[in-house]
Amino acid sequence: MTSITAATPAPPRARKLTGAGRRQWIGLLYVAPAVALVVVFFLIPLGMTAWMSLHNWPLMGERSYIGLGNYVAILHDTRFWNALRFTGWYTLVVTIAIFAVAFPLALFVERPRPLTNLYRTMFFMPAVVGFASASLLWSWLLNVDSGLFSPAAYDLGLIDRKFNLLATFQPAFWSIIAMVVWKVAGFTMIILMAGLQSIPQDLQEAAVIDGAGPFARFRAITLPLMRRTLALALILSVAGSILAFDQFYIILRGGPRNQTLTAVYWIFNQSFVSFKLGYGAALSMVLLVILVALSLVQLWLLRKPEGLD
């Protein structure tokens, strides 16, 4: 005799999984706008740039597929490698200069004291100005006739005649360094200040009780606990320096004698002056690979030591 079994309801576990799946879909809906922005404004342009780099892509006329021809041409482009070499030197110098100014400022404004909020605001204000606007401002300040620096030094009797700071490489280079430090140091200061304030005060007090001096506390407590903050600030500084364009284009136009030609400036020149869009795309892909590689190296060097909570 065949027994008939009644249908049993789904176990509670299955209903819970269904609820969890529903919550996952709700979570995906929340992040969908951000994902759409990344896809539309990063992944699709990146794919198009990679595709363009495989073509001879003039502004006007028919494009033709040339495979890795643009990348082979880059190997023989001495102007690009000279620009990349200058960009590396500029990145090294300006990053050191930014941290040399930003870290003392962060230490100064970290703890509450009279007028601390005013100091923080004053130091951070230049970061609000865009690079193009800051470059236009400093282009006027550095003007040999109608600017501020050279005429003021001449009127004060500090120099015998007005000196054009943009006429030769060294004064022009260090003028750009000064402008970038003035512009960026306040932003880096805020990042470092946040890292300093995240360090438990109990550790500093215990070190003082144990007789540790300021330098010993800085080396043994502050720097190790700020590795992640330093990594963030360093990556932002290096990435921004490698992609430098506005200040060199607006103030120097790559001069004097193309000595301040950066990698991005050369990409701009090839893409929108010579109208070699495919070659400019290939240069952009090479610079992207270099930038990603440098960021990974920085993260590895500033990785969290094992056993450090």
Protein backbone atom coordinates (compact mmCIF):
# COMPACT_ATOMS: atom_id res chain seq x y z
CA MET A 1 0.00 0.00 0.00
CA THR A 2 1.49 3.28 -1.10
CA SER A 3 1.70 5.97 1.55
CA ILE A 4 0.96 9.52 0.60
CA THR A 5 3.16 12.10 2.28
CA ALA A 6 1.97 15.65 2.66
CA ALA A 7 4.09 18.44 1.27
CA THR A 8 6.17 19.98 3.98
CA PRO A 9 6.91 23.71 4.06
CA ALA A 10 10.36 24.95 3.22
CA PRO A 11 12.69 24.79 6.17
CA PRO A 12 13.32 28.02 8.06
CA ARG A 13 16.95 28.00 6.83
CA ALA A 14 15.78 28.32 3.23
CA ARG A 15 13.55 31.25 4.14
CA LYS A 16 16.46 32.93 5.93
CA LEU A 17 18.68 32.50 2.87
CA THR A 18 15.97 34.04 0.76
CA GLY A 19 15.85 37.01 3.13
CA ALA A 20 19.62 37.31 3.02
CA GLY A 21 19.54 37.21 -0.76
CA ARG A 22 16.94 39.97 -0.75
CA ARG A 23 19.16 42.11 1.45
CA GLN A 24 22.07 41.50 -0.90
CA TRP A 25 20.02 42.73 -3.83
CA ILE A 26 19.02 45.82 -1.86
CA GLY A 27 22.70 46.44 -1.09
CA LEU A 28 23.56 46.09 -4.76
CA LEU A 29 20.90 48.66 -5.62
CA TYR A 30 22.49 51.08 -3.17
CA VAL A 31 25.96 50.74 -4.74
CA ALA A 32 24.64 50.61 -8.32
CA PRO A 33 24.97 54.41 -8.91
CA ALA A 34 28.61 54.38 -7.79
CA VAL A 35 29.34 51.30 -9.90
CA ALA A 36 27.66 52.98 -12.89
CA LEU A 37 29.84 56.06 -12.45
CA VAL A 38 33.00 53.94 -12.31
CA VAL A 39 31.97 51.98 -15.39
CA VAL A 40 30.92 55.00 -17.44
CA PHE A 41 33.68 57.41 -16.46
CA PHE A 42 36.60 55.02 -15.88
CA LEU A 43 36.28 51.51 -17.27
CA ILE A 44 34.70 52.42 -20.61
CA PRO A 45 37.14 55.32 -21.28
CA LEU A 46 40.01 53.04 -20.23
CA GLY A 47 38.88 50.39 -22.69
CA MET A 48 38.45 52.98 -25.44
CA THR A 49 41.92 54.36 -24.75
CA ALA A 50 43.45 50.88 -24.94
CA TRP A 51 41.60 50.28 -28.23
CA MET A 52 42.70 53.61 -29.67
CA SER A 53 46.31 52.87 -28.75
CA LEU A 54 46.27 49.98 -31.22
CA HIS A 55 45.33 52.23 -34.12
CA ASN A 56 46.72 55.01 -36.21
CA TRP A 57 43.92 57.38 -35.17
CA PRO A 58 44.15 60.85 -36.73
CA LEU A 59 41.72 63.60 -35.80
CA MET A 60 40.46 63.68 -39.39
CA GLY A 61 40.39 60.81 -41.84
CA GLU A 62 40.27 57.06 -41.64
CA ARG A 63 41.81 55.21 -38.71
CA SER A 64 43.79 52.03 -39.32
CA TYR A 65 44.71 49.13 -37.06
CA ILE A 66 48.48 48.91 -36.47
CA GLY A 67 48.64 46.57 -33.46
CA LEU A 68 51.57 47.40 -31.20
CA GLY A 69 53.03 49.91 -33.65
CA ASN A 70 52.44 52.88 -31.35
CA TYR A 71 54.13 51.09 -28.45
CA VAL A 72 57.13 50.28 -30.62
CA ALA A 73 57.33 53.95 -31.61
CA ILE A 74 57.36 54.92 -27.92
CA LEU A 75 60.61 52.96 -27.46
CA HIS A 76 62.29 55.34 -29.91
CA ASP A 77 60.61 58.53 -28.68
CA THR A 78 63.50 60.30 -26.94
CA ARG A 79 61.35 63.34 -26.17
CA PHE A 80 58.92 61.18 -24.17
CA TRP A 81 61.67 59.49 -22.19
CA ASN A 82 63.28 62.86 -21.46
CA ALA A 83 59.88 64.14 -20.29
CA LEU A 84 59.42 61.02 -18.16
CA ARG A 85 62.87 61.50 -16.65
CA PHE A 86 62.10 65.11 -15.79
CA THR A 87 58.71 64.07 -14.37
CA GLY A 88 60.43 61.54 -12.10
CA TRP A 89 62.91 64.15 -10.86
CA TYR A 90 60.13 66.68 -10.29
CA THR A 91 58.04 64.06 -8.44
CA LEU A 92 60.92 63.18 -6.12
CA VAL A 93 61.78 66.79 -5.29
CA VAL A 94 58.24 68.09 -4.85
CA THR A 95 57.13 65.10 -2.75
CA ILE A 96 60.03 65.57 -0.34
CA ALA A 97 59.33 69.32 -0.19
CA ILE A 98 55.61 68.81 0.47
CA PHE A 99 56.21 66.37 3.33
CA ALA A 100 59.00 68.55 4.76
CA VAL A 101 56.48 71.38 5.09
CA ALA A 102 53.27 69.44 5.78
CA PHE A 103 54.55 67.23 8.61
CA PRO A 104 55.76 70.08 10.85
CA LEU A 105 52.52 71.93 10.14
CA ALA A 106 50.52 68.82 11.11
CA LEU A 107 52.50 68.49 14.35
CA PHE A 108 51.89 72.19 15.05
CA VAL A 109 48.11 72.16 14.55
CA GLU A 110 47.43 68.67 15.92
CA ARG A 111 46.79 69.67 19.54
CA PRO A 112 44.25 72.31 20.57
CA ARG A 113 45.85 75.63 21.43
CA PRO A 114 44.83 79.27 21.05
CA LEU A 115 44.00 80.12 17.41
CA THR A 116 44.49 76.50 16.30
CA ASN A 117 41.38 76.59 14.11
CA LEU A 118 42.60 79.80 12.51
CA TYR A 119 45.98 78.25 11.76
CA ARG A 120 44.37 75.15 10.26
CA THR A 121 42.14 77.27 8.05
CA MET A 122 45.00 79.50 6.90
CA PHE A 123 47.27 76.57 6.05
CA PHE A 124 44.50 74.71 4.23
CA MET A 125 43.07 77.62 2.22
CA PRO A 126 45.46 77.35 -0.77
CA ALA A 127 44.29 73.76 -1.32
CA VAL A 128 40.81 75.10 -2.15
CA VAL A 129 42.19 77.00 -5.14
CA GLY A 130 42.31 74.99 -8.35
CA PHE A 131 45.66 74.28 -9.97
CA ALA A 132 44.76 76.33 -13.05
CA SER A 133 43.79 79.34 -10.94
CA ALA A 134 46.87 78.96 -8.74
CA SER A 135 49.05 78.74 -11.85
CA LEU A 136 47.55 81.95 -13.25
CA LEU A 137 48.14 83.67 -9.89
CA TRP A 138 51.77 82.59 -9.73
CA SER A 139 52.29 83.43 -13.39
CA TRP A 140 51.53 87.00 -12.42
CA LEU A 141 53.62 86.86 -9.23
CA LEU A 142 56.64 85.63 -11.22
CA ASN A 143 56.30 88.17 -14.01
CA VAL A 144 59.52 90.12 -14.35
CA ASP A 145 57.84 93.47 -15.09
CA SER A 146 54.37 93.57 -13.55
CA GLY A 147 54.66 90.78 -10.99
CA LEU A 148 55.49 90.84 -7.29
CA PHE A 149 58.66 88.92 -6.51
CA SER A 150 61.24 90.42 -8.86
CA PRO A 151 59.94 94.03 -8.82
CA ALA A 152 59.59 93.97 -5.02
CA ALA A 153 63.11 92.62 -4.56
CA TYR A 154 64.40 95.33 -6.93
CA ASP A 155 62.51 98.13 -5.15
CA LEU A 156 63.82 96.93 -1.77
CA GLY A 157 67.38 97.01 -3.09
CA LEU A 158 67.90 93.26 -2.70
CA ILE A 159 68.94 92.91 -6.36
CA ASP A 160 70.64 95.32 -8.77
CA ARG A 161 68.23 94.68 -11.63
CA LYS A 162 64.98 92.86 -12.18
CA PHE A 163 65.54 89.14 -12.60
CA ASN A 164 63.33 86.94 -14.78
CA LEU A 165 62.71 83.84 -12.68
CA LEU A 166 61.29 81.96 -15.66
CA ALA A 167 64.10 82.57 -18.14
CA THR A 168 66.41 79.73 -17.04
CA PHE A 169 65.79 76.22 -15.81
CA GLN A 170 66.83 76.32 -12.16
CA PRO A 171 64.86 79.43 -11.06
CA ALA A 172 61.86 78.29 -13.11
CA PHE A 173 61.97 74.78 -11.66
CA TRP A 174 62.21 75.93 -8.06
CA SER A 175 59.49 78.53 -8.63
CA ILE A 176 57.16 75.71 -9.69
CA ILE A 177 58.20 73.68 -6.63
CA ALA A 178 57.40 76.65 -4.37
CA MET A 179 53.99 77.10 -6.01
CA VAL A 180 53.05 73.43 -5.67
CA VAL A 181 54.18 73.28 -2.02
CA TRP A 182 52.14 76.41 -1.27
CA LYS A 183 49.15 74.84 -3.00
CA VAL A 184 49.31 71.23 -1.71
CA ALA A 185 51.04 71.29 1.68
CA GLY A 186 47.86 72.30 3.51
CA PHE A 187 45.91 69.37 2.07
CA THR A 188 48.67 66.92 3.02
CA MET A 189 48.80 68.53 6.46
CA ILE A 190 45.11 67.66 7.04
CA ILE A 191 45.72 64.01 6.12
CA LEU A 192 48.75 63.75 8.39
CA MET A 193 46.97 65.57 11.20
CA ALA A 194 44.15 63.01 11.05
CA GLY A 195 46.73 60.24 11.34
CA LEU A 196 48.39 61.92 14.32
CA GLN A 197 45.08 62.37 16.11
CA SER A 198 44.25 58.68 15.64
CA ILE A 199 47.26 57.63 17.74
CA PRO A 200 46.12 56.74 21.31
CA GLN A 201 47.36 59.31 23.77
CA ASP A 202 47.91 56.56 26.34
CA LEU A 203 50.85 55.24 24.31
CA GLN A 204 52.52 58.63 24.26
CA GLU A 205 51.98 59.11 28.00
CA ALA A 206 53.33 55.63 28.78
CA ALA A 207 56.43 56.34 26.68
CA VAL A 208 56.99 59.63 28.53
CA ILE A 209 56.73 57.81 31.87
CA ASP A 210 59.30 55.28 30.62
CA GLY A 211 61.67 58.15 29.85
CA ALA A 212 61.38 58.22 26.06
CA GLY A 213 62.28 61.54 24.47
CA PRO A 214 60.38 63.30 21.66
CA PHE A 215 62.50 61.79 18.89
CA ALA A 216 62.27 58.28 20.37
CA ARG A 217 58.48 58.58 20.64
CA PHE A 218 58.28 59.86 17.07
CA ARG A 219 60.41 56.99 15.74
CA ALA A 220 58.91 54.16 17.81
CA ILE A 221 55.26 55.22 18.10
CA THR A 222 54.25 57.97 15.69
CA LEU A 223 55.79 56.71 12.46
CA PRO A 224 54.81 53.01 12.84
CA LEU A 225 51.20 53.88 13.70
CA MET A 226 50.97 56.33 10.80
CA ARG A 227 51.99 53.90 8.07
CA ARG A 228 48.56 53.79 6.47
CA THR A 229 48.18 57.57 6.66
CA LEU A 230 51.63 58.08 5.20
CA ALA A 231 50.85 55.59 2.43
CA LEU A 232 47.69 57.50 1.51
CA ALA A 233 49.42 60.90 1.54
CA LEU A 234 52.42 59.56 -0.37
CA ILE A 235 50.33 57.90 -3.09
CA LEU A 236 48.24 61.04 -3.56
CA SER A 237 51.35 63.20 -3.75
CA VAL A 238 53.23 60.94 -6.15
CA ALA A 239 50.22 60.37 -8.40
CA GLY A 240 49.45 64.08 -8.55
CA SER A 241 53.08 64.92 -9.30
CA ILE A 242 53.40 62.36 -12.09
CA LEU A 243 50.22 63.75 -13.66
CA ALA A 244 51.42 67.37 -13.34
CA PHE A 245 50.33 69.51 -16.25
CA ASP A 246 48.54 72.77 -15.38
CA GLN A 247 51.45 74.61 -13.77
CA PHE A 248 53.94 73.68 -16.48
CA TYR A 249 51.51 74.51 -19.28
CA ILE A 250 50.20 77.81 -17.90
CA ILE A 251 53.36 79.22 -16.33
CA LEU A 252 56.20 77.79 -18.44
CA ARG A 253 54.67 76.31 -21.60
CA GLY A 254 57.28 73.58 -21.28
CA GLY A 255 60.13 76.09 -21.33
CA PRO A 256 62.74 77.23 -21.10
CA ARG A 257 63.85 75.26 -24.19
CA ASN A 258 61.49 72.33 -23.44
CA GLN A 259 63.41 71.56 -20.23
CA THR A 260 60.25 71.42 -18.13
CA LEU A 261 58.27 69.18 -20.45
CA THR A 262 56.37 66.63 -18.34
CA ALA A 263 54.99 63.29 -19.47
CA VAL A 264 51.38 64.51 -19.46
CA TYR A 265 52.42 67.66 -21.32
CA TRP A 266 53.97 65.50 -24.05
CA ILE A 267 50.83 63.36 -24.21
CA PHE A 268 48.77 66.54 -24.59
CA ASN A 269 51.13 67.77 -27.31
CA GLN A 270 50.93 64.56 -29.31
CA SER A 271 47.16 64.20 -28.91
CA PHE A 272 45.85 67.74 -29.32
CA VAL A 273 48.64 69.62 -31.09
CA SER A 274 49.96 66.97 -33.48
CA PHE A 275 46.53 65.23 -33.49
CA LYS A 276 48.07 61.76 -33.13
CA LEU A 277 45.25 60.45 -30.98
CA GLY A 278 46.28 56.80 -31.22
CA TYR A 279 49.86 57.56 -30.24
CA GLY A 280 48.68 59.79 -27.39
CA ALA A 281 46.46 56.95 -26.18
CA ALA A 282 49.44 54.58 -26.19
CA LEU A 283 51.50 57.09 -24.20
CA SER A 284 48.63 57.34 -21.70
CA MET A 285 48.51 53.57 -21.26
CA VAL A 286 52.26 53.44 -20.64
CA LEU A 287 51.99 56.22 -18.05
CA LEU A 288 49.07 54.41 -16.39
CA VAL A 289 51.12 51.22 -16.04
CA ILE A 290 54.00 53.21 -14.53
CA LEU A 291 51.67 54.96 -12.09
CA VAL A 292 50.02 51.70 -10.96
CA ALA A 293 53.42 50.05 -10.52
CA LEU A 294 54.71 52.94 -8.41
CA SER A 295 51.58 52.89 -6.25
CA LEU A 296 51.96 49.16 -5.63
CA VAL A 297 55.63 49.63 -4.69
CA GLN A 298 54.68 52.39 -2.24
CA LEU A 299 52.01 50.22 -0.65
CA TRP A 300 54.49 47.37 -0.30
CA LEU A 301 57.16 49.59 1.26
CA LEU A 302 54.66 51.07 3.72
CA ARG A 303 52.88 47.79 4.44
CA LYS A 304 51.86 47.05 8.00
CA PRO A 305 54.55 45.03 9.82
CA GLU A 306 53.45 41.64 11.10
CA GLY A 307 52.38 41.69 14.72
CA LEU A 308 51.63 45.42 14.74
CA ASP A 309 47.97 46.05 15.61
